[in-house]
Amino acid sequence: MKFLFRFISADPNRTMLRSLGRHQFSDLTGTKAKRNYADNVSEYNAVLASLNATRRPGVTAGKAAGMEVVAVPSVPKQAHLYISADEVINSLLDLQPEKDRGNFANRTLVYQWSRH
């Protein structure tokens, strides 16, 4: 509660502190608490997209999360199944992280392991 009290008392708008003391929360919608409607909707859509990405397998999950996807199919003849991937390589030895984009932090590798 000390942190909450310090956070609220640092705010120049004292109505929030007074409303918390009286247990009245109707005054909490001050000018700083209000957010732009478009920001709320875009944040909501981003959260929904990330939740949907966890339900999708492989390449579609990476693309739904907004990442660059490098697919490594188990059988090279199945490369047509990974059309939506940004890059399809035959082996992990072919992977070149320093190639063209340089931004490897947002890349996702999708491995398709086959059981023989």
PDB file of N, CA and C in Angstrom:
ATOM      1  N   MET A   1       0.822  -1.193   0.000  1.00  0.00           N
ATOM      2  CA  MET A   1       0.000   0.000   0.000  1.00  0.00           C
ATOM      3  C   MET A   1       0.861   1.250   0.000  1.00  0.00           C
ATOM      4  N   LYS A   2       2.090   1.148   0.516  1.00  0.00           N
ATOM      5  CA  LYS A   2       2.967   2.310   0.532  1.00  0.00           C
ATOM      6  C   LYS A   2       3.276   2.765  -0.885  1.00  0.00           C
ATOM      7  N   PHE A   3       3.535   1.783  -1.774  1.00  0.00           N
ATOM      8  CA  PHE A   3       3.841   2.142  -3.152  1.00  0.00           C
ATOM      9  C   PHE A   3       2.650   2.825  -3.814  1.00  0.00           C
ATOM     10  N   LEU A   4       1.461   2.299  -3.589  1.00  0.00           N
ATOM     11  CA  LEU A   4       0.255   2.885  -4.160  1.00  0.00           C
ATOM     12  C   LEU A   4       0.051   4.298  -3.635  1.00  0.00           C
ATOM     13  N   PHE A   5       0.291   4.495  -2.363  1.00  0.00           N
ATOM     14  CA  PHE A   5       0.117   5.818  -1.774  1.00  0.00           C
ATOM     15  C   PHE A   5       1.134   6.796  -2.341  1.00  0.00           C
ATOM     16  N   ARG A   6       2.373   6.373  -2.504  1.00  0.00           N
ATOM     17  CA  ARG A   6       3.397   7.254  -3.075  1.00  0.00           C
ATOM     18  C   ARG A   6       3.079   7.581  -4.527  1.00  0.00           C
ATOM     19  N   PHE A   7       2.629   6.576  -5.260  1.00  0.00           N
ATOM     20  CA  PHE A   7       2.295   6.796  -6.661  1.00  0.00           C
ATOM     21  C   PHE A   7       1.158   7.798  -6.798  1.00  0.00           C
ATOM     22  N   ILE A   8       0.167   7.674  -5.966  1.00  0.00           N
ATOM     23  CA  ILE A   8      -0.988   8.556  -6.054  1.00  0.00           C
ATOM     24  C   ILE A   8      -0.651   9.940  -5.525  1.00  0.00           C
ATOM     25  N   SER A   9       0.127  10.010  -4.443  1.00  0.00           N
ATOM     26  CA  SER A   9       0.437  11.320  -3.877  1.00  0.00           C
ATOM     27  C   SER A   9       1.397  12.093  -4.766  1.00  0.00           C
ATOM     28  N   ALA A  10       2.137  11.422  -5.643  1.00  0.00           N
ATOM     29  CA  ALA A  10       3.025  12.128  -6.556  1.00  0.00           C
ATOM     30  C   ALA A  10       2.242  12.798  -7.680  1.00  0.00           C
ATOM     31  N   ASP A  11       1.020  12.387  -7.902  1.00  0.00           N
ATOM     32  CA  ASP A  11       0.173  12.946  -8.944  1.00  0.00           C
ATOM     33  C   ASP A  11      -0.381  14.293  -8.483  1.00  0.00           C
ATOM     34  N   PRO A  12      -0.318  15.329  -9.317  1.00  0.00           N
ATOM     35  CA  PRO A  12      -0.856  16.624  -8.892  1.00  0.00           C
ATOM     36  C   PRO A  12      -2.373  16.614  -8.716  1.00  0.00           C
ATOM     37  N   ASN A  13      -3.042  15.678  -9.340  1.00  0.00           N
ATOM     38  CA  ASN A  13      -4.486  15.590  -9.207  1.00  0.00           C
ATOM     39  C   ASN A  13      -4.809  14.822  -7.930  1.00  0.00           C
ATOM     40  N   ARG A  14      -5.231  15.508  -6.892  1.00  0.00           N
ATOM     41  CA  ARG A  14      -5.440  14.892  -5.584  1.00  0.00           C
ATOM     42  C   ARG A  14      -6.812  14.232  -5.447  1.00  0.00           C
ATOM     43  N   THR A  15      -7.675  14.355  -6.442  1.00  0.00           N
ATOM     44  CA  THR A  15      -9.008  13.754  -6.316  1.00  0.00           C
ATOM     45  C   THR A  15      -8.928  12.238  -6.228  1.00  0.00           C
ATOM     46  N   MET A  16      -7.924  11.657  -6.898  1.00  0.00           N
ATOM     47  CA  MET A  16      -7.782  10.211  -6.851  1.00  0.00           C
ATOM     48  C   MET A  16      -7.459   9.762  -5.425  1.00  0.00           C
ATOM     49  N   LEU A  17      -6.569  10.478  -4.761  1.00  0.00           N
ATOM     50  CA  LEU A  17      -6.202  10.130  -3.390  1.00  0.00           C
ATOM     51  C   LEU A  17      -7.393  10.289  -2.457  1.00  0.00           C
ATOM     52  N   ARG A  18      -8.138  11.371  -2.632  1.00  0.00           N
ATOM     53  CA  ARG A  18      -9.304  11.584  -1.770  1.00  0.00           C
ATOM     54  C   ARG A  18     -10.371  10.528  -2.014  1.00  0.00           C
ATOM     55  N   SER A  19     -10.566  10.146  -3.274  1.00  0.00           N
ATOM     56  CA  SER A  19     -11.593   9.140  -3.556  1.00  0.00           C
ATOM     57  C   SER A  19     -11.190   7.776  -3.013  1.00  0.00           C
ATOM     58  N   LEU A  20      -9.894   7.468  -3.022  1.00  0.00           N
ATOM     59  CA  LEU A  20      -9.455   6.206  -2.431  1.00  0.00           C
ATOM     60  C   LEU A  20      -9.652   6.222  -0.924  1.00  0.00           C
ATOM     61  N   GLY A  21      -9.434   7.376  -0.287  1.00  0.00           N
ATOM     62  CA  GLY A  21      -9.624   7.477   1.153  1.00  0.00           C
ATOM     63  C   GLY A  21     -11.076   7.317   1.549  1.00  0.00           C
ATOM     64  N   ARG A  22     -11.982   7.761   0.707  1.00  0.00           N
ATOM     65  CA  ARG A  22     -13.418   7.667   1.003  1.00  0.00           C
ATOM     66  C   ARG A  22     -14.050   6.418   0.407  1.00  0.00           C
ATOM     67  N   HIS A  23     -13.255   5.634  -0.293  1.00  0.00           N
ATOM     68  CA  HIS A  23     -13.744   4.439  -0.992  1.00  0.00           C
ATOM     69  C   HIS A  23     -14.795   4.797  -2.041  1.00  0.00           C
ATOM     70  N   GLN A  24     -14.614   5.915  -2.682  1.00  0.00           N
ATOM     71  CA  GLN A  24     -15.488   6.318  -3.778  1.00  0.00           C
ATOM     72  C   GLN A  24     -14.641   6.322  -5.040  1.00  0.00           C
ATOM     73  N   PHE A  25     -15.007   5.525  -5.983  1.00  0.00           N
ATOM     74  CA  PHE A  25     -14.195   5.385  -7.182  1.00  0.00           C
ATOM     75  C   PHE A  25     -14.843   6.030  -8.403  1.00  0.00           C
ATOM     76  N   SER A  26     -15.794   6.904  -8.195  1.00  0.00           N
ATOM     77  CA  SER A  26     -16.441   7.546  -9.334  1.00  0.00           C
ATOM     78  C   SER A  26     -15.580   8.655  -9.921  1.00  0.00           C
ATOM     79  N   ASP A  27     -14.657   9.215  -9.142  1.00  0.00           N
ATOM     80  CA  ASP A  27     -13.820  10.309  -9.628  1.00  0.00           C
ATOM     81  C   ASP A  27     -12.518   9.830 -10.255  1.00  0.00           C
ATOM     82  N   LEU A  28     -12.351   8.549 -10.411  1.00  0.00           N
ATOM     83  CA  LEU A  28     -11.081   8.036 -10.902  1.00  0.00           C
ATOM     84  C   LEU A  28     -10.860   8.288 -12.385  1.00  0.00           C
ATOM     85  N   THR A  29     -11.880   8.691 -13.110  1.00  0.00           N
ATOM     86  CA  THR A  29     -11.717   8.930 -14.542  1.00  0.00           C
ATOM     87  C   THR A  29     -11.303  10.369 -14.764  1.00  0.00           C
ATOM     88  N   GLY A  30     -10.095  10.691 -14.396  1.00  0.00           N
ATOM     89  CA  GLY A  30      -9.541  12.025 -14.614  1.00  0.00           C
ATOM     90  C   GLY A  30      -8.993  12.136 -16.016  1.00  0.00           C
ATOM     91  N   THR A  31      -8.373  13.252 -16.302  1.00  0.00           N
ATOM     92  CA  THR A  31      -7.852  13.464 -17.649  1.00  0.00           C
ATOM     93  C   THR A  31      -6.692  12.527 -17.948  1.00  0.00           C
ATOM     94  N   LYS A  32      -5.898  12.184 -16.945  1.00  0.00           N
ATOM     95  CA  LYS A  32      -4.776  11.286 -17.190  1.00  0.00           C
ATOM     96  C   LYS A  32      -5.215   9.835 -17.292  1.00  0.00           C
ATOM     97  N   ALA A  33      -6.309   9.494 -16.656  1.00  0.00           N
ATOM     98  CA  ALA A  33      -6.770   8.111 -16.690  1.00  0.00           C
ATOM     99  C   ALA A  33      -7.471   7.781 -18.000  1.00  0.00           C
ATOM    100  N   LYS A  34      -7.996   8.786 -18.686  1.00  0.00           N
ATOM    101  CA  LYS A  34      -8.682   8.539 -19.952  1.00  0.00           C
ATOM    102  C   LYS A  34      -7.659   8.272 -21.042  1.00  0.00           C
ATOM    103  N   ARG A  35      -7.949   7.295 -21.858  1.00  0.00           N
ATOM    104  CA  ARG A  35      -7.069   6.964 -22.965  1.00  0.00           C
ATOM    105  C   ARG A  35      -7.830   7.112 -24.267  1.00  0.00           C
ATOM    106  N   ASN A  36      -7.092   7.248 -25.308  1.00  0.00           N
ATOM    107  CA  ASN A  36      -7.677   7.372 -26.628  1.00  0.00           C
ATOM    108  C   ASN A  36      -8.369   6.056 -27.006  1.00  0.00           C
ATOM    109  N   TYR A  37      -9.547   6.160 -27.565  1.00  0.00           N
ATOM    110  CA  TYR A  37     -10.316   4.978 -27.935  1.00  0.00           C
ATOM    111  C   TYR A  37      -9.575   4.152 -28.979  1.00  0.00           C
ATOM    112  N   ALA A  38      -8.940   4.813 -29.937  1.00  0.00           N
ATOM    113  CA  ALA A  38      -8.212   4.090 -30.982  1.00  0.00           C
ATOM    114  C   ALA A  38      -7.038   3.315 -30.393  1.00  0.00           C
ATOM    115  N   ASP A  39      -6.366   3.883 -29.387  1.00  0.00           N
ATOM    116  CA  ASP A  39      -5.268   3.174 -28.735  1.00  0.00           C
ATOM    117  C   ASP A  39      -5.772   1.930 -28.027  1.00  0.00           C
ATOM    118  N   ASN A  40      -6.915   2.054 -27.369  1.00  0.00           N
ATOM    119  CA  ASN A  40      -7.481   0.901 -26.667  1.00  0.00           C
ATOM    120  C   ASN A  40      -7.835  -0.217 -27.641  1.00  0.00           C
ATOM    121  N   VAL A  41      -8.427   0.145 -28.770  1.00  0.00           N
ATOM    122  CA  VAL A  41      -8.841  -0.855 -29.753  1.00  0.00           C
ATOM    123  C   VAL A  41      -7.619  -1.521 -30.376  1.00  0.00           C
ATOM    124  N   SER A  42      -6.588  -0.736 -30.712  1.00  0.00           N
ATOM    125  CA  SER A  42      -5.407  -1.329 -31.330  1.00  0.00           C
ATOM    126  C   SER A  42      -4.668  -2.232 -30.349  1.00  0.00           C
ATOM    127  N   GLU A  43      -4.617  -1.834 -29.081  1.00  0.00           N
ATOM    128  CA  GLU A  43      -3.982  -2.689 -28.076  1.00  0.00           C
ATOM    129  C   GLU A  43      -4.783  -3.978 -27.888  1.00  0.00           C
ATOM    130  N   TYR A  44      -6.094  -3.871 -27.894  1.00  0.00           N
ATOM    131  CA  TYR A  44      -6.966  -5.042 -27.763  1.00  0.00           C
ATOM    132  C   TYR A  44      -6.754  -5.993 -28.936  1.00  0.00           C
ATOM    133  N   ASN A  45      -6.668  -5.440 -30.151  1.00  0.00           N
ATOM    134  CA  ASN A  45      -6.460  -6.281 -31.326  1.00  0.00           C
ATOM    135  C   ASN A  45      -5.095  -6.953 -31.293  1.00  0.00           C
ATOM    136  N   ALA A  46      -4.076  -6.251 -30.802  1.00  0.00           N
ATOM    137  CA  ALA A  46      -2.742  -6.845 -30.705  1.00  0.00           C
ATOM    138  C   ALA A  46      -2.725  -8.004 -29.719  1.00  0.00           C
ATOM    139  N   VAL A  47      -3.427  -7.846 -28.614  1.00  0.00           N
ATOM    140  CA  VAL A  47      -3.494  -8.927 -27.626  1.00  0.00           C
ATOM    141  C   VAL A  47      -4.238 -10.120 -28.206  1.00  0.00           C
ATOM    142  N   LEU A  48      -5.341  -9.870 -28.904  1.00  0.00           N
ATOM    143  CA  LEU A  48      -6.083 -10.977 -29.520  1.00  0.00           C
ATOM    144  C   LEU A  48      -5.248 -11.687 -30.579  1.00  0.00           C
ATOM    145  N   ALA A  49      -4.484 -10.929 -31.357  1.00  0.00           N
ATOM    146  CA  ALA A  49      -3.641 -11.545 -32.382  1.00  0.00           C
ATOM    147  C   ALA A  49      -2.573 -12.425 -31.757  1.00  0.00           C
ATOM    148  N   SER A  50      -1.985 -11.967 -30.660  1.00  0.00           N
ATOM    149  CA  SER A  50      -0.953 -12.786 -30.021  1.00  0.00           C
ATOM    150  C   SER A  50      -1.558 -14.031 -29.384  1.00  0.00           C
ATOM    151  N   LEU A  51      -2.783 -13.919 -28.850  1.00  0.00           N
ATOM    152  CA  LEU A  51      -3.437 -15.103 -28.292  1.00  0.00           C
ATOM    153  C   LEU A  51      -3.789 -16.098 -29.387  1.00  0.00           C
ATOM    154  N   ASN A  52      -4.206 -15.589 -30.544  1.00  0.00           N
ATOM    155  CA  ASN A  52      -4.496 -16.476 -31.667  1.00  0.00           C
ATOM    156  C   ASN A  52      -3.228 -17.138 -32.180  1.00  0.00           C
ATOM    157  N   ALA A  53      -2.107 -16.423 -32.113  1.00  0.00           N
ATOM    158  CA  ALA A  53      -0.847 -16.981 -32.603  1.00  0.00           C
ATOM    159  C   ALA A  53      -0.417 -18.179 -31.781  1.00  0.00           C
ATOM    160  N   THR A  54      -0.754 -18.204 -30.504  1.00  0.00           N
ATOM    161  CA  THR A  54      -0.366 -19.350 -29.684  1.00  0.00           C
ATOM    162  C   THR A  54      -1.165 -20.589 -30.040  1.00  0.00           C
ATOM    163  N   ARG A  55      -2.316 -20.413 -30.641  1.00  0.00           N
ATOM    164  CA  ARG A  55      -3.151 -21.559 -31.015  1.00  0.00           C
ATOM    165  C   ARG A  55      -2.802 -22.104 -32.397  1.00  0.00           C
ATOM    166  N   ARG A  56      -2.060 -21.352 -33.169  1.00  0.00           N
ATOM    167  CA  ARG A  56      -1.734 -21.776 -34.523  1.00  0.00           C
ATOM    168  C   ARG A  56      -0.385 -22.487 -34.539  1.00  0.00           C
ATOM    169  N   PRO A  57      -0.256 -23.505 -35.348  1.00  0.00           N
ATOM    170  CA  PRO A  57       1.024 -24.212 -35.397  1.00  0.00           C
ATOM    171  C   PRO A  57       1.977 -23.599 -36.418  1.00  0.00           C
ATOM    172  N   GLY A  58       3.243 -23.675 -36.122  1.00  0.00           N
ATOM    173  CA  GLY A  58       4.300 -23.423 -37.081  1.00  0.00           C
ATOM    174  C   GLY A  58       4.348 -22.057 -37.720  1.00  0.00           C
ATOM    175  N   VAL A  59       4.334 -22.063 -39.046  1.00  0.00           N
ATOM    176  CA  VAL A  59       4.536 -20.853 -39.831  1.00  0.00           C
ATOM    177  C   VAL A  59       3.430 -19.838 -39.577  1.00  0.00           C
ATOM    178  N   THR A  60       2.203 -20.276 -39.497  1.00  0.00           N
ATOM    179  CA  THR A  60       1.102 -19.330 -39.305  1.00  0.00           C
ATOM    180  C   THR A  60       1.177 -18.653 -37.946  1.00  0.00           C
ATOM    181  N   ALA A  61       1.701 -19.346 -36.946  1.00  0.00           N
ATOM    182  CA  ALA A  61       1.854 -18.728 -35.623  1.00  0.00           C
ATOM    183  C   ALA A  61       2.894 -17.621 -35.668  1.00  0.00           C
ATOM    184  N   GLY A  62       3.999 -17.869 -36.326  1.00  0.00           N
ATOM    185  CA  GLY A  62       5.036 -16.850 -36.442  1.00  0.00           C
ATOM    186  C   GLY A  62       4.571 -15.649 -37.240  1.00  0.00           C
ATOM    187  N   LYS A  63       3.852 -15.897 -38.329  1.00  0.00           N
ATOM    188  CA  LYS A  63       3.346 -14.794 -39.152  1.00  0.00           C
ATOM    189  C   LYS A  63       2.281 -14.006 -38.410  1.00  0.00           C
ATOM    190  N   ALA A  64       1.429 -14.688 -37.648  1.00  0.00           N
ATOM    191  CA  ALA A  64       0.394 -13.990 -36.887  1.00  0.00           C
ATOM    192  C   ALA A  64       1.000 -13.138 -35.782  1.00  0.00           C
ATOM    193  N   ALA A  65       2.159 -13.538 -35.282  1.00  0.00           N
ATOM    194  CA  ALA A  65       2.833 -12.764 -34.241  1.00  0.00           C
ATOM    195  C   ALA A  65       3.661 -11.632 -34.824  1.00  0.00           C
ATOM    196  N   GLY A  66       3.701 -11.514 -36.151  1.00  0.00           N
ATOM    197  CA  GLY A  66       4.414 -10.417 -36.793  1.00  0.00           C
ATOM    198  C   GLY A  66       5.907 -10.658 -36.935  1.00  0.00           C
ATOM    199  N   MET A  67       6.320 -11.903 -36.990  1.00  0.00           N
ATOM    200  CA  MET A  67       7.739 -12.226 -37.099  1.00  0.00           C
ATOM    201  C   MET A  67       8.083 -12.665 -38.512  1.00  0.00           C
ATOM    202  N   GLU A  68       9.375 -12.613 -38.811  1.00  0.00           N
ATOM    203  CA  GLU A  68       9.862 -13.199 -40.042  1.00  0.00           C
ATOM    204  C   GLU A  68      10.079 -14.680 -39.775  1.00  0.00           C
ATOM    205  N   VAL A  69       9.620 -15.528 -40.684  1.00  0.00           N
ATOM    206  CA  VAL A  69       9.649 -16.972 -40.451  1.00  0.00           C
ATOM    207  C   VAL A  69      10.564 -17.643 -41.458  1.00  0.00           C
ATOM    208  N   VAL A  70      11.468 -18.469 -40.941  1.00  0.00           N
ATOM    209  CA  VAL A  70      12.331 -19.306 -41.764  1.00  0.00           C
ATOM    210  C   VAL A  70      11.914 -20.745 -41.511  1.00  0.00           C
ATOM    211  N   ALA A  71      11.457 -21.427 -42.551  1.00  0.00           N
ATOM    212  CA  ALA A  71      10.962 -22.798 -42.406  1.00  0.00           C
ATOM    213  C   ALA A  71      12.012 -23.790 -42.887  1.00  0.00           C
ATOM    214  N   VAL A  72      12.135 -24.891 -42.153  1.00  0.00           N
ATOM    215  CA  VAL A  72      13.036 -25.983 -42.518  1.00  0.00           C
ATOM    216  C   VAL A  72      12.196 -27.255 -42.597  1.00  0.00           C
ATOM    217  N   PRO A  73      11.669 -27.607 -43.781  1.00  0.00           N
ATOM    218  CA  PRO A  73      10.830 -28.804 -43.882  1.00  0.00           C
ATOM    219  C   PRO A  73      11.664 -30.073 -43.727  1.00  0.00           C
ATOM    220  N   SER A  74      11.032 -31.121 -43.191  1.00  0.00           N
ATOM    221  CA  SER A  74      11.752 -32.385 -42.989  1.00  0.00           C
ATOM    222  C   SER A  74      12.050 -33.067 -44.320  1.00  0.00           C
ATOM    223  N   VAL A  75      11.136 -32.952 -45.241  1.00  0.00           N
ATOM    224  CA  VAL A  75      11.328 -33.504 -46.579  1.00  0.00           C
ATOM    225  C   VAL A  75      11.368 -32.326 -47.547  1.00  0.00           C
ATOM    226  N   PRO A  76      12.444 -32.173 -48.311  1.00  0.00           N
ATOM    227  CA  PRO A  76      12.541 -31.011 -49.206  1.00  0.00           C
ATOM    228  C   PRO A  76      11.393 -30.896 -50.203  1.00  0.00           C
ATOM    229  N   LYS A  77      10.735 -32.003 -50.510  1.00  0.00           N
ATOM    230  CA  LYS A  77       9.622 -31.962 -51.453  1.00  0.00           C
ATOM    231  C   LYS A  77       8.383 -31.310 -50.850  1.00  0.00           C
ATOM    232  N   GLN A  78       8.368 -31.092 -49.529  1.00  0.00           N
ATOM    233  CA  GLN A  78       7.219 -30.471 -48.878  1.00  0.00           C
ATOM    234  C   GLN A  78       7.365 -28.954 -48.765  1.00  0.00           C
ATOM    235  N   ALA A  79       8.288 -28.371 -49.476  1.00  0.00           N
ATOM    236  CA  ALA A  79       8.526 -26.931 -49.382  1.00  0.00           C
ATOM    237  C   ALA A  79       7.306 -26.126 -49.819  1.00  0.00           C
ATOM    238  N   HIS A  80       6.470 -26.690 -50.678  1.00  0.00           N
ATOM    239  CA  HIS A  80       5.281 -25.967 -51.131  1.00  0.00           C
ATOM    240  C   HIS A  80       4.274 -25.747 -50.001  1.00  0.00           C
ATOM    241  N   LEU A  81       4.383 -26.510 -48.908  1.00  0.00           N
ATOM    242  CA  LEU A  81       3.476 -26.332 -47.772  1.00  0.00           C
ATOM    243  C   LEU A  81       3.831 -25.104 -46.939  1.00  0.00           C
ATOM    244  N   TYR A  82       4.996 -24.544 -47.175  1.00  0.00           N
ATOM    245  CA  TYR A  82       5.481 -23.418 -46.378  1.00  0.00           C
ATOM    246  C   TYR A  82       5.561 -22.145 -47.216  1.00  0.00           C
ATOM    247  N   ILE A  83       4.578 -21.938 -48.062  1.00  0.00           N
ATOM    248  CA  ILE A  83       4.578 -20.780 -48.958  1.00  0.00           C
ATOM    249  C   ILE A  83       4.528 -19.472 -48.178  1.00  0.00           C
ATOM    250  N   SER A  84       3.820 -19.445 -47.071  1.00  0.00           N
ATOM    251  CA  SER A  84       3.678 -18.196 -46.321  1.00  0.00           C
ATOM    252  C   SER A  84       4.933 -17.830 -45.537  1.00  0.00           C
ATOM    253  N   ALA A  85       5.907 -18.734 -45.442  1.00  0.00           N
ATOM    254  CA  ALA A  85       7.157 -18.422 -44.749  1.00  0.00           C
ATOM    255  C   ALA A  85       7.961 -17.417 -45.565  1.00  0.00           C
ATOM    256  N   ASP A  86       8.740 -16.594 -44.876  1.00  0.00           N
ATOM    257  CA  ASP A  86       9.573 -15.615 -45.571  1.00  0.00           C
ATOM    258  C   ASP A  86      10.723 -16.282 -46.315  1.00  0.00           C
ATOM    259  N   GLU A  87      11.198 -17.371 -45.769  1.00  0.00           N
ATOM    260  CA  GLU A  87      12.319 -18.077 -46.383  1.00  0.00           C
ATOM    261  C   GLU A  87      12.188 -19.563 -46.071  1.00  0.00           C
ATOM    262  N   VAL A  88      12.426 -20.406 -47.070  1.00  0.00           N
ATOM    263  CA  VAL A  88      12.402 -21.853 -46.887  1.00  0.00           C
ATOM    264  C   VAL A  88      13.790 -22.371 -47.225  1.00  0.00           C
ATOM    265  N   ILE A  89      14.429 -23.035 -46.261  1.00  0.00           N
ATOM    266  CA  ILE A  89      15.763 -23.587 -46.486  1.00  0.00           C
ATOM    267  C   ILE A  89      15.710 -25.091 -46.267  1.00  0.00           C
ATOM    268  N   ASN A  90      16.663 -25.810 -46.871  1.00  0.00           N
ATOM    269  CA  ASN A  90      16.665 -27.271 -46.800  1.00  0.00           C
ATOM    270  C   ASN A  90      17.343 -27.804 -45.552  1.00  0.00           C
ATOM    271  N   SER A  91      18.270 -27.049 -44.991  1.00  0.00           N
ATOM    272  CA  SER A  91      19.030 -27.515 -43.843  1.00  0.00           C
ATOM    273  C   SER A  91      19.357 -26.331 -42.945  1.00  0.00           C
ATOM    274  N   LEU A  92      19.570 -26.605 -41.667  1.00  0.00           N
ATOM    275  CA  LEU A  92      19.972 -25.531 -40.758  1.00  0.00           C
ATOM    276  C   LEU A  92      21.364 -25.014 -41.090  1.00  0.00           C
ATOM    277  N   LEU A  93      22.141 -25.814 -41.824  1.00  0.00           N
ATOM    278  CA  LEU A  93      23.457 -25.351 -42.254  1.00  0.00           C
ATOM    279  C   LEU A  93      23.342 -24.221 -43.271  1.00  0.00           C
ATOM    280  N   ASP A  94      22.207 -24.143 -43.954  1.00  0.00           N
ATOM    281  CA  ASP A  94      21.983 -23.080 -44.934  1.00  0.00           C
ATOM    282  C   ASP A  94      21.557 -21.767 -44.290  1.00  0.00           C
ATOM    283  N   LEU A  95      21.297 -21.779 -43.017  1.00  0.00           N
ATOM    284  CA  LEU A  95      20.830 -20.577 -42.320  1.00  0.00           C
ATOM    285  C   LEU A  95      21.962 -19.566 -42.191  1.00  0.00           C
ATOM    286  N   GLN A  96      21.702 -18.351 -42.646  1.00  0.00           N
ATOM    287  CA  GLN A  96      22.684 -17.269 -42.562  1.00  0.00           C
ATOM    288  C   GLN A  96      22.038 -16.085 -41.863  1.00  0.00           C
ATOM    289  N   PRO A  97      22.221 -15.966 -40.548  1.00  0.00           N
ATOM    290  CA  PRO A  97      21.552 -14.891 -39.809  1.00  0.00           C
ATOM    291  C   PRO A  97      22.012 -13.497 -40.210  1.00  0.00           C
ATOM    292  N   GLU A  98      23.235 -13.377 -40.704  1.00  0.00           N
ATOM    293  CA  GLU A  98      23.741 -12.059 -41.080  1.00  0.00           C
ATOM    294  C   GLU A  98      23.293 -11.641 -42.478  1.00  0.00           C
ATOM    295  N   LYS A  99      22.568 -12.525 -43.152  1.00  0.00           N
ATOM    296  CA  LYS A  99      22.135 -12.263 -44.523  1.00  0.00           C
ATOM    297  C   LYS A  99      21.084 -11.159 -44.578  1.00  0.00           C
ATOM    298  N   ASP A 100      21.108 -10.401 -45.584  1.00  0.00           N
ATOM    299  CA  ASP A 100      20.263  -9.283 -46.011  1.00  0.00           C
ATOM    300  C   ASP A 100      19.615  -8.464 -44.888  1.00  0.00           C
ATOM    301  N   ARG A 101      18.766  -8.982 -44.077  1.00  0.00           N
ATOM    302  CA  ARG A 101      18.010  -8.160 -43.135  1.00  0.00           C
ATOM    303  C   ARG A 101      18.849  -7.726 -41.948  1.00  0.00           C
ATOM    304  N   GLY A 102      19.671  -8.613 -41.429  1.00  0.00           N
ATOM    305  CA  GLY A 102      20.509  -8.272 -40.293  1.00  0.00           C
ATOM    306  C   GLY A 102      19.784  -8.273 -38.960  1.00  0.00           C
ATOM    307  N   ASN A 103      18.466  -8.211 -38.962  1.00  0.00           N
ATOM    308  CA  ASN A 103      17.706  -8.187 -37.716  1.00  0.00           C
ATOM    309  C   ASN A 103      17.230  -9.601 -37.421  1.00  0.00           C
ATOM    310  N   PHE A 104      18.029 -10.352 -36.685  1.00  0.00           N
ATOM    311  CA  PHE A 104      17.706 -11.751 -36.416  1.00  0.00           C
ATOM    312  C   PHE A 104      16.834 -11.913 -35.185  1.00  0.00           C
ATOM    313  N   ALA A 105      16.631 -10.835 -34.428  1.00  0.00           N
ATOM    314  CA  ALA A 105      15.877 -10.943 -33.178  1.00  0.00           C
ATOM    315  C   ALA A 105      14.414 -11.292 -33.422  1.00  0.00           C
ATOM    316  N   ASN A 106      13.842 -10.862 -34.535  1.00  0.00           N
ATOM    317  CA  ASN A 106      12.425 -11.089 -34.787  1.00  0.00           C
ATOM    318  C   ASN A 106      12.164 -12.279 -35.701  1.00  0.00           C
ATOM    319  N   ARG A 107      13.163 -13.101 -35.941  1.00  0.00           N
ATOM    320  CA  ARG A 107      12.972 -14.237 -36.838  1.00  0.00           C
ATOM    321  C   ARG A 107      12.608 -15.484 -36.052  1.00  0.00           C
ATOM    322  N   THR A 108      11.761 -16.279 -36.617  1.00  0.00           N
ATOM    323  CA  THR A 108      11.321 -17.515 -35.987  1.00  0.00           C
ATOM    324  C   THR A 108      11.715 -18.685 -36.872  1.00  0.00           C
ATOM    325  N   LEU A 109      12.313 -19.680 -36.278  1.00  0.00           N
ATOM    326  CA  LEU A 109      12.643 -20.891 -37.023  1.00  0.00           C
ATOM    327  C   LEU A 109      11.559 -21.930 -36.779  1.00  0.00           C
ATOM    328  N   VAL A 110      11.093 -22.527 -37.842  1.00  0.00           N
ATOM    329  CA  VAL A 110      10.065 -23.561 -37.730  1.00  0.00           C
ATOM    330  C   VAL A 110      10.687 -24.869 -38.198  1.00  0.00           C
ATOM    331  N   TYR A 111      10.776 -25.804 -37.287  1.00  0.00           N
ATOM    332  CA  TYR A 111      11.348 -27.105 -37.611  1.00  0.00           C
ATOM    333  C   TYR A 111      10.227 -28.113 -37.794  1.00  0.00           C
ATOM    334  N   GLN A 112      10.346 -28.912 -38.815  1.00  0.00           N
ATOM    335  CA  GLN A 112       9.385 -29.989 -39.033  1.00  0.00           C
ATOM    336  C   GLN A 112      10.155 -31.293 -38.889  1.00  0.00           C
ATOM    337  N   TRP A 113      10.028 -31.907 -37.728  1.00  0.00           N
ATOM    338  CA  TRP A 113      10.763 -33.140 -37.468  1.00  0.00           C
ATOM    339  C   TRP A 113       9.946 -34.325 -37.969  1.00  0.00           C
ATOM    340  N   SER A 114      10.613 -35.218 -38.661  1.00  0.00           N
ATOM    341  CA  SER A 114       9.928 -36.426 -39.121  1.00  0.00           C
ATOM    342  C   SER A 114      10.423 -37.606 -38.291  1.00  0.00           C
ATOM    343  N   ARG A 115       9.505 -38.484 -37.956  1.00  0.00           N
ATOM    344  CA  ARG A 115       9.852 -39.684 -37.193  1.00  0.00           C
ATOM    345  C   ARG A 115       9.945 -40.860 -38.148  1.00  0.00           C
ATOM    346  N   HIS A 116      11.110 -41.444 -38.219  1.00  0.00           N
ATOM    347  CA  HIS A 116      11.309 -42.586 -39.127  1.00  0.00           C
ATOM    348  C   HIS A 116      11.311 -43.863 -38.349  1.00  0.00           C
TER     349      HIS A 116
END
